[in-house]
Protein backbone atom coordinates (compact mmCIF):
# COMPACT_ATOMS: atom_id res chain seq x y z
CA MET A 1 9.25 39.78 5.37
CA GLU A 2 6.06 41.10 3.78
CA GLU A 3 4.08 38.62 1.72
CA SER A 4 3.26 39.20 -1.92
CA GLY A 5 -0.35 39.37 -3.13
CA GLU A 6 -0.07 35.84 -4.52
CA GLU A 7 1.23 34.46 -1.22
CA LYS A 8 -1.72 35.97 0.65
CA THR A 9 -4.14 33.99 -1.51
CA MET A 10 -2.32 30.70 -0.98
CA PHE A 11 -3.95 27.90 0.97
CA TRP A 12 -0.75 26.75 2.59
CA ARG A 13 2.11 28.16 4.60
CA PRO A 14 5.41 28.74 2.74
CA ILE A 15 7.49 25.59 2.26
CA GLU A 16 10.84 26.17 3.91
CA PRO A 17 14.19 25.17 2.36
CA SER A 18 14.91 23.12 5.51
CA ALA A 19 11.82 20.99 4.81
CA VAL A 20 13.03 20.18 1.29
CA ARG A 21 16.48 19.28 2.61
CA LEU A 22 14.86 16.75 4.93
CA LEU A 23 12.70 15.43 2.10
CA SER A 24 15.80 14.89 -0.03
CA SER A 25 18.00 13.33 2.67
CA GLU A 26 15.43 11.25 4.59
CA GLY A 27 12.90 10.63 1.82
CA TYR A 28 10.04 12.25 3.75
CA VAL A 29 9.03 15.33 5.72
CA VAL A 30 6.08 16.18 8.01
CA LEU A 31 4.56 19.67 7.83
CA ASP A 32 2.08 20.46 10.60
CA ASP A 33 -0.52 23.26 10.31
CA PHE A 34 -0.07 23.10 6.54
CA VAL A 35 -3.26 24.98 5.55
CA ARG A 36 -2.56 28.43 6.91
CA ASP A 37 -6.17 29.20 7.90
CA GLU A 38 -7.58 26.47 10.14
CA ARG A 39 -11.13 27.52 9.23
CA VAL A 40 -10.40 26.72 5.59
CA ALA A 41 -9.03 23.28 6.53
CA LYS A 42 -12.23 22.62 8.52
CA LYS A 43 -14.36 23.60 5.51
CA MET A 44 -12.38 21.17 3.38
CA ARG A 45 -13.00 18.46 5.96
CA ASP A 46 -16.72 19.26 6.18
CA GLU A 47 -17.10 19.18 2.39
CA LEU A 48 -15.28 15.85 2.17
CA CYS A 49 -17.29 14.30 5.01
CA SER A 50 -20.58 15.52 3.50
CA MET A 51 -19.98 13.53 0.30
CA ALA A 52 -22.14 10.47 -0.20
CA ILE A 53 -20.50 7.07 -0.19
CA GLY A 54 -21.54 5.29 -3.37
CA ASP A 55 -21.43 1.77 -4.77
CA ASP A 56 -18.78 0.38 -7.08
CA GLY A 57 -19.71 2.92 -9.75
CA GLU A 58 -20.59 0.35 -12.38
CA SER A 59 -24.31 1.25 -12.48
CA GLU A 60 -25.59 4.45 -14.08
CA PRO A 61 -26.95 7.18 -11.78
CA SER A 62 -30.74 7.24 -11.73
CA SER A 63 -31.23 10.87 -10.74
CA LEU A 64 -29.53 14.27 -10.75
CA GLU A 65 -28.83 13.87 -7.04
CA GLU A 66 -27.05 10.58 -7.63
CA SER A 67 -24.89 12.17 -10.36
CA ALA A 68 -23.30 14.49 -7.77
CA PRO A 69 -19.73 13.65 -6.67
CA ARG A 70 -19.58 10.63 -4.41
CA LEU A 71 -16.91 8.49 -2.85
CA LYS A 72 -16.53 5.04 -4.38
CA PRO A 73 -14.75 1.91 -3.12
CA ASN A 74 -11.00 1.90 -3.63
CA ARG A 75 -10.22 -0.65 -6.31
CA THR A 76 -6.74 -2.12 -6.60
CA HIS A 77 -5.30 -3.66 -9.76
CA PHE A 78 -3.33 -6.79 -8.99
CA THR A 79 -1.18 -8.80 -11.39
CA ASP A 80 -0.52 -12.48 -10.70
CA ALA A 81 2.65 -13.16 -12.69
CA LYS A 82 2.71 -16.87 -11.87
CA ASN A 83 -0.73 -17.53 -13.37
CA ASN A 84 -0.55 -14.74 -15.96
CA ALA A 85 -3.75 -13.21 -14.59
CA ARG A 86 -4.90 -9.69 -13.69
CA TYR A 87 -7.49 -8.92 -11.01
CA LEU A 88 -9.35 -5.89 -9.67
CA PHE A 89 -10.16 -6.01 -5.95
CA SER A 90 -12.04 -3.53 -3.78
CA LYS A 91 -10.31 -2.65 -0.53
CA PRO A 92 -12.78 -3.01 2.40
CA GLY A 93 -13.71 0.22 4.15
CA VAL A 94 -11.81 2.63 1.86
CA PHE A 95 -13.72 5.09 -0.35
CA GLU A 96 -12.23 7.63 -2.76
CA TYR A 97 -13.02 10.36 -5.26
CA ASP A 98 -10.73 11.56 -8.06
CA MET A 99 -10.86 15.37 -8.21
CA HIS A 100 -10.19 15.27 -11.96
CA MET A 101 -13.67 13.79 -12.32
CA ASN A 102 -15.12 17.10 -11.11
CA MET A 103 -13.32 19.48 -13.46
CA SER A 104 -16.69 20.51 -14.90
CA GLY A 105 -17.61 21.90 -11.47
CA LYS A 106 -21.09 20.27 -11.46
CA ASP A 107 -21.31 19.88 -7.70
CA GLY A 108 -23.67 22.73 -6.91
CA GLY A 109 -21.04 24.49 -4.82
CA GLU A 110 -20.92 21.63 -2.31
CA MET A 111 -17.17 21.25 -2.90
CA GLU A 112 -16.30 24.92 -3.31
CA THR A 113 -13.29 24.95 -0.94
CA LEU A 114 -11.97 21.61 -2.15
CA ASP A 115 -12.33 22.79 -5.76
CA ARG A 116 -10.30 25.90 -4.98
CA PHE A 117 -7.62 23.83 -3.26
CA PHE A 118 -7.54 21.50 -6.27
CA GLU A 119 -7.03 24.46 -8.61
CA ALA A 120 -4.32 25.96 -6.40
CA SER A 121 -2.46 22.64 -6.21
CA GLY A 122 -2.15 22.59 -9.99
CA LYS A 123 -1.03 26.20 -10.29
CA HIS A 124 1.27 26.63 -7.31
CA LEU A 125 2.23 23.56 -5.27
CA ALA A 126 4.94 22.19 -7.59
CA ASN A 127 6.49 25.65 -7.85
CA ALA A 128 6.45 25.98 -4.06
CA PHE A 129 8.53 22.81 -3.70
CA ASN A 130 10.85 23.74 -6.58
CA GLU A 131 11.50 27.25 -5.26
CA ALA A 132 12.25 25.92 -1.77
CA ALA A 133 14.60 23.34 -3.30
CA ALA A 134 16.44 25.97 -5.34
CA LYS A 135 17.09 28.02 -2.18
CA ALA A 136 18.08 25.00 -0.11
CA PHE A 137 20.55 23.51 -2.55
CA SER A 138 22.08 26.75 -3.82
CA GLU A 139 23.21 27.27 -0.21
CA THR A 140 24.74 23.76 -0.25
CA GLU A 141 26.68 24.56 -3.41
CA GLU A 142 28.06 27.80 -1.97
CA GLU A 143 29.13 26.08 1.24
CA ARG A 144 30.87 23.03 -0.30
CA GLY A 145 32.23 24.12 -3.67
CA GLU A 146 32.48 21.49 -6.44
CA GLU A 147 31.42 18.67 -4.15
CA GLY A 148 28.46 20.81 -3.13
CA LYS A 149 27.55 21.36 -6.78
CA GLN A 150 27.29 17.62 -7.40
CA GLU A 151 25.37 17.06 -4.19
CA ARG A 152 23.05 19.92 -5.09
CA GLN A 153 22.26 18.40 -8.47
CA ARG A 154 21.53 14.97 -7.01
CA ALA A 155 19.43 16.37 -4.16
CA HIS A 156 17.56 18.76 -6.44
CA ASN A 157 16.72 15.94 -8.88
CA SER A 158 15.38 13.83 -6.02
CA VAL A 159 12.58 16.32 -5.28
CA ARG A 160 12.15 18.39 -8.46
CA VAL A 161 8.56 18.26 -9.74
CA LYS A 162 6.74 19.46 -12.83
CA PRO A 163 4.21 22.32 -12.49
CA GLY A 164 0.83 22.36 -14.20
CA ASP A 165 -2.69 20.96 -13.97
CA ASP A 166 -1.81 17.88 -16.00
CA ASN A 167 1.11 16.96 -13.76
CA ARG A 168 -0.70 16.37 -10.51
CA THR A 169 -3.46 14.07 -9.30
CA VAL A 170 -5.69 14.70 -6.28
CA LYS A 171 -7.83 12.06 -4.58
CA LEU A 172 -10.21 12.49 -1.66
CA GLN A 173 -10.53 9.59 0.76
CA ILE A 174 -12.67 8.39 3.65
CA ASN A 175 -11.41 5.28 5.44
CA THR A 176 -14.00 3.72 7.76
CA CYS A 177 -12.19 0.52 8.72
CA GLY A 178 -9.57 -0.24 6.07
CA ALA A 179 -5.80 -0.65 5.76
CA PHE A 180 -3.23 -0.60 2.95
CA PRO A 181 -0.44 -3.17 2.51
CA TYR A 182 3.19 -2.23 1.91
CA HIS A 183 3.74 -0.75 -1.54
CA PHE A 184 5.40 2.01 -3.55
CA ASP A 185 3.34 4.77 -5.18
CA ASN A 186 4.97 4.24 -8.57
CA PRO A 187 3.79 0.77 -9.65
CA GLY A 188 6.08 0.91 -12.70
CA GLY A 189 9.17 2.27 -10.96
CA ALA A 190 11.27 4.65 -13.02
CA HIS A 191 8.89 4.27 -15.98
CA GLN A 192 6.11 6.17 -14.18
CA ASN A 193 5.92 9.87 -13.40
CA ARG A 194 4.91 10.24 -9.75
CA LYS A 195 7.68 11.97 -7.83
CA LEU A 196 6.18 13.28 -4.59
CA THR A 197 3.23 11.97 -2.59
CA CYS A 198 1.59 14.60 -0.37
CA ILE A 199 -1.12 13.49 2.09
CA LEU A 200 -3.18 16.11 3.93
CA TYR A 201 -5.07 14.78 6.95
CA LEU A 202 -8.42 16.39 7.77
CA ASN A 203 -9.69 14.31 10.68
CA GLU A 204 -11.98 15.95 13.24
CA ALA A 205 -9.97 14.60 16.14
CA TYR A 206 -7.35 11.95 16.58
CA GLU A 207 -6.36 9.64 19.41
CA ASP A 208 -3.87 6.80 19.27
CA LYS A 209 -6.69 4.26 19.62
CA CYS A 210 -7.97 5.34 16.17
CA GLY A 211 -5.08 3.73 14.27
CA GLY A 212 -4.90 4.73 10.60
CA GLU A 213 -1.25 5.85 10.81
CA ILE A 214 0.93 5.79 7.73
CA VAL A 215 4.14 3.79 8.20
CA LEU A 216 7.15 4.81 6.10
CA VAL A 217 10.19 2.56 5.71
CA PRO A 218 13.34 4.22 4.38
CA PHE A 219 15.39 1.22 3.21
CA MET A 220 17.18 -0.29 6.23
CA GLY A 221 16.03 2.69 8.28
CA PRO A 222 13.57 2.96 11.16
CA PHE A 223 9.86 2.28 10.71
CA VAL A 224 8.40 5.80 10.85
CA THR A 225 4.81 5.73 12.13
CA ILE A 226 3.04 9.05 11.51
CA ARG A 227 -0.28 9.92 13.15
CA PRO A 228 -2.98 11.35 10.85
CA THR A 229 -3.61 14.49 12.91
CA PHE A 230 -5.68 17.43 11.67
CA ASN A 231 -4.03 19.74 9.11
CA ARG A 232 -0.84 17.66 8.93
CA LEU A 233 0.84 17.19 5.54
CA VAL A 234 3.08 14.16 5.05
CA VAL A 235 5.31 14.33 1.96
CA PHE A 236 7.49 11.47 0.71
CA GLN A 237 9.26 10.32 -2.45
CA SER A 238 6.72 8.28 -4.40
CA GLU A 239 9.13 5.98 -6.24
CA SER A 240 11.48 5.10 -3.39
CA MET A 241 9.53 5.10 -0.11
CA LEU A 242 8.04 1.79 0.95
CA HIS A 243 4.92 2.45 3.04
CA ARG A 244 1.63 1.12 4.33
CA VAL A 245 -1.43 2.41 6.25
CA ASN A 246 -2.45 0.78 9.53
CA LYS A 247 -6.07 -0.28 9.98
CA ALA A 248 -8.42 2.61 10.78
CA VAL A 249 -10.65 1.98 13.81
CA ASN A 250 -12.97 4.08 15.97
CA PHE A 251 -12.41 7.34 14.11
CA PRO A 252 -14.83 10.08 15.17
CA GLY A 253 -17.24 11.36 12.55
CA LYS A 254 -17.38 9.66 9.18
CA GLY A 255 -13.94 8.05 9.35
CA ARG A 256 -10.28 8.77 8.59
CA ALA A 257 -10.45 11.74 6.20
CA CYS A 258 -7.62 12.87 3.96
CA LEU A 259 -6.70 13.97 0.48
CA THR A 260 -3.66 12.84 -1.48
CA ILE A 261 -1.78 14.87 -4.08
CA TRP A 262 0.70 13.18 -6.40
CA LEU A 263 3.14 15.51 -8.14
CA ASP A 264 4.88 14.27 -11.28
CA GLY A 265 8.63 14.46 -11.74
CA ALA A 266 10.32 16.91 -14.06
CA GLU A 267 11.47 15.51 -17.42
CA GLU A 268 15.15 15.76 -16.56
CA ASN A 269 14.46 13.50 -13.55
CA ASP A 270 13.09 10.82 -15.85
CA ASN A 271 16.22 10.91 -17.98
CA ALA A 272 18.47 10.77 -14.93
CA SER A 273 16.53 7.79 -13.52
CA SER A 274 16.78 5.87 -16.78
CA GLU A 275 20.54 6.36 -16.92
CA GLN A 276 20.99 5.51 -13.25
CA ASN A 277 18.91 2.33 -13.40
CA ARG A 278 20.60 0.93 -16.50
CA ASN A 279 23.38 -0.91 -14.67
CA ILE A 280 21.77 -1.66 -11.32
CA ARG A 281 22.86 -5.28 -11.24
CA ASN A 282 26.54 -4.41 -11.78
CA ASP A 283 26.41 -1.58 -9.25
CA LEU A 284 24.92 -3.84 -6.56
CA VAL A 285 27.54 -6.54 -7.15
CA GLN A 286 30.40 -4.02 -7.02
CA LEU A 287 29.06 -2.66 -3.73
CA LEU A 288 29.26 -6.10 -2.09
CA SER A 289 32.79 -5.31 -0.94
CA SER A 290 31.90 -1.80 0.24
CA PRO A 291 30.80 -0.73 3.74
CA PRO A 292 27.11 -1.44 4.46
CA GLU A 293 26.24 2.25 4.55
CA ASP A 294 27.42 2.67 0.94
CA LEU A 295 25.21 -0.18 -0.25
CA ILE A 296 22.21 1.16 1.68
CA SER A 297 22.75 4.69 0.36
CA TYR A 298 22.85 3.43 -3.23
CA ILE A 299 19.67 1.37 -2.83
CA ARG A 300 17.79 4.32 -1.28
CA GLN A 301 18.75 6.53 -4.22
CA THR A 302 17.90 3.94 -6.88
CA PRO A 303 14.16 3.23 -7.04
CA ASP A 304 14.37 0.08 -9.17
CA ALA A 305 17.05 -1.43 -6.91
CA GLN A 306 14.85 -0.80 -3.90
CA ARG A 307 11.84 -2.25 -5.68
CA PHE A 308 13.83 -5.39 -6.49
CA LEU A 309 15.10 -5.84 -2.93
CA SER A 310 12.28 -4.59 -0.69
CA ARG A 311 9.92 -7.58 -0.89
CA TRP A 312 12.84 -9.92 -0.16
CA THR A 313 14.16 -7.76 2.67
CA TYR A 314 10.78 -7.09 4.31
CA ARG A 315 8.93 -10.24 3.29
CA ASP A 316 7.39 -10.91 6.72
CA GLU A 317 6.14 -7.34 6.99
CA TYR A 318 4.65 -7.56 3.49
CA GLU A 319 2.71 -10.70 4.41
CA ILE A 320 1.35 -9.28 7.67
CA SER A 321 0.20 -6.10 5.93
CA LEU A 322 -1.61 -8.13 3.26
CA LEU A 323 -3.45 -10.12 5.93
CA GLU A 324 -4.61 -6.91 7.60
CA SER A 325 -5.54 -5.07 4.40
CA HIS A 326 -7.37 -7.64 2.28
CA PRO A 327 -9.47 -9.95 4.44
CA GLY A 328 -11.74 -12.01 2.26
CA LYS A 329 -11.78 -11.68 -1.51
CA GLY A 330 -8.37 -11.38 -3.12
CA LEU A 331 -6.26 -12.29 -0.09
CA GLU A 332 -5.47 -15.83 -1.24
CA HIS A 333 -4.30 -14.59 -4.67
CA MET A 334 -2.13 -11.87 -3.14
CA LEU A 335 -0.46 -14.15 -0.59
CA GLU A 336 0.25 -16.75 -3.25
CA ALA A 337 1.76 -14.09 -5.54
CA HIS A 338 3.89 -12.74 -2.68
CA GLU A 339 5.23 -16.21 -1.87
CA ASP A 340 5.89 -16.86 -5.55
CA ALA A 341 7.89 -13.63 -5.86
CA ILE A 342 10.11 -14.72 -2.95
CA ARG A 343 10.58 -18.19 -4.45
CA ARG A 344 11.60 -16.72 -7.79
CA GLN A 345 14.21 -14.50 -6.12
CA ARG A 346 15.67 -17.52 -4.31
CA LYS A 347 16.06 -19.32 -7.65
CA ILE A 348 17.86 -16.52 -9.50
CA LYS A 349 20.63 -18.05 -11.64
CA ASP A 350 23.11 -15.32 -10.86
CA GLU A 351 25.45 -16.25 -8.02
CA GLU A 352 26.74 -12.72 -7.50
CA LEU A 353 23.26 -11.22 -7.38
CA LEU A 354 22.19 -13.96 -4.95
CA ARG A 355 25.05 -12.87 -2.70
CA VAL A 356 23.62 -9.34 -2.77
CA LEU A 357 20.23 -10.68 -1.69
CA GLU A 358 21.75 -12.70 1.14
CA ARG A 359 23.91 -9.83 2.33
CA VAL A 360 20.93 -7.48 2.48
CA ARG A 361 18.88 -10.08 4.35
CA ASP A 362 21.74 -10.67 6.82
CA MET A 363 22.00 -6.92 7.41
CA ARG A 364 18.28 -6.86 8.11
CA ARG A 365 18.56 -9.70 10.67
CA GLU A 366 21.42 -7.95 12.44
CA GLU A 367 19.59 -4.64 12.68
CA LYS A 368 17.43 -3.99 15.74
CA MET A 369 13.98 -2.91 14.66
CA LYS A 370 13.69 0.82 15.31
CA ILE A 371 10.35 2.63 15.43
CA VAL A 372 9.89 6.39 15.28
CA ARG A 373 6.41 7.71 16.12
CA LEU A 374 5.46 11.23 15.05
């Protein structure tokens, strides 16, 4: 099929309906060779790796050169509910730049290709996912009638995103020796807008000894370890995919290089989430007598239920990832808060909900740990 003029100017290859089906059913999809012209992807990498690594950004630049875009330490907000305190910690070895900070274009052309990609992501990327979803799920409806119509609506809502410059965020990142603990990309659950997380890896070369893989954990599913190979796009559902990043070591060049695009959900998704999450407690209790697969399916489709249960279910994995990600400052506070969260769940004064917690934990003990490496 001949491409339109607009398609010829696109950075990326067309997103296929089959990819969106996987994203909806599994919660993630991996798209290799995402940027259609490898030379363009290499320019993006070179521009990212040529950026200066700055300090914490609290001091004012002293010269025009210092006012140019620069990568700054990743800083993580952390709330300690037990002590009613809020902290801001820098993650060792991880440096980032928010592309929205460069909307004035004052970079002297040093980020020309990245700027063009940033612009294209606002104009076209959400539409690319939505159009692929419309094709994928219209076929489902035709094949399965009324049941297919309901499935189509649910699946479509799970990946539908909102187009426009104001509905996406793009961050550049160089990781020299850092890691990220387990977390979700929507800190506020259904009350936040992020729908899809898209990570484009731009590393010069990758070997298994480099580490830096992202690990995705579909609830009660296998641990999916994905290598950060050149020109690979990893897409997952921001509000319902638990994930972490393994420690980056021995990367060639400047470090583990990538950019992350967060696409916001469409408004109708927000309304659907609010309605769905209203009676989570009752739904979980009713599912106690159902087959395990029904309970797991419900939790995967309900972000706030997953957020409530994930730390309890994967508490050992949470602790290990914190130890690897935050050596030094902040670690003690984070471990104490993690332990406190587990203690509070144990003391819930709701016998039926406690039975849900215990059943999920028992299911986790009975499951053999499965690892998929891509």
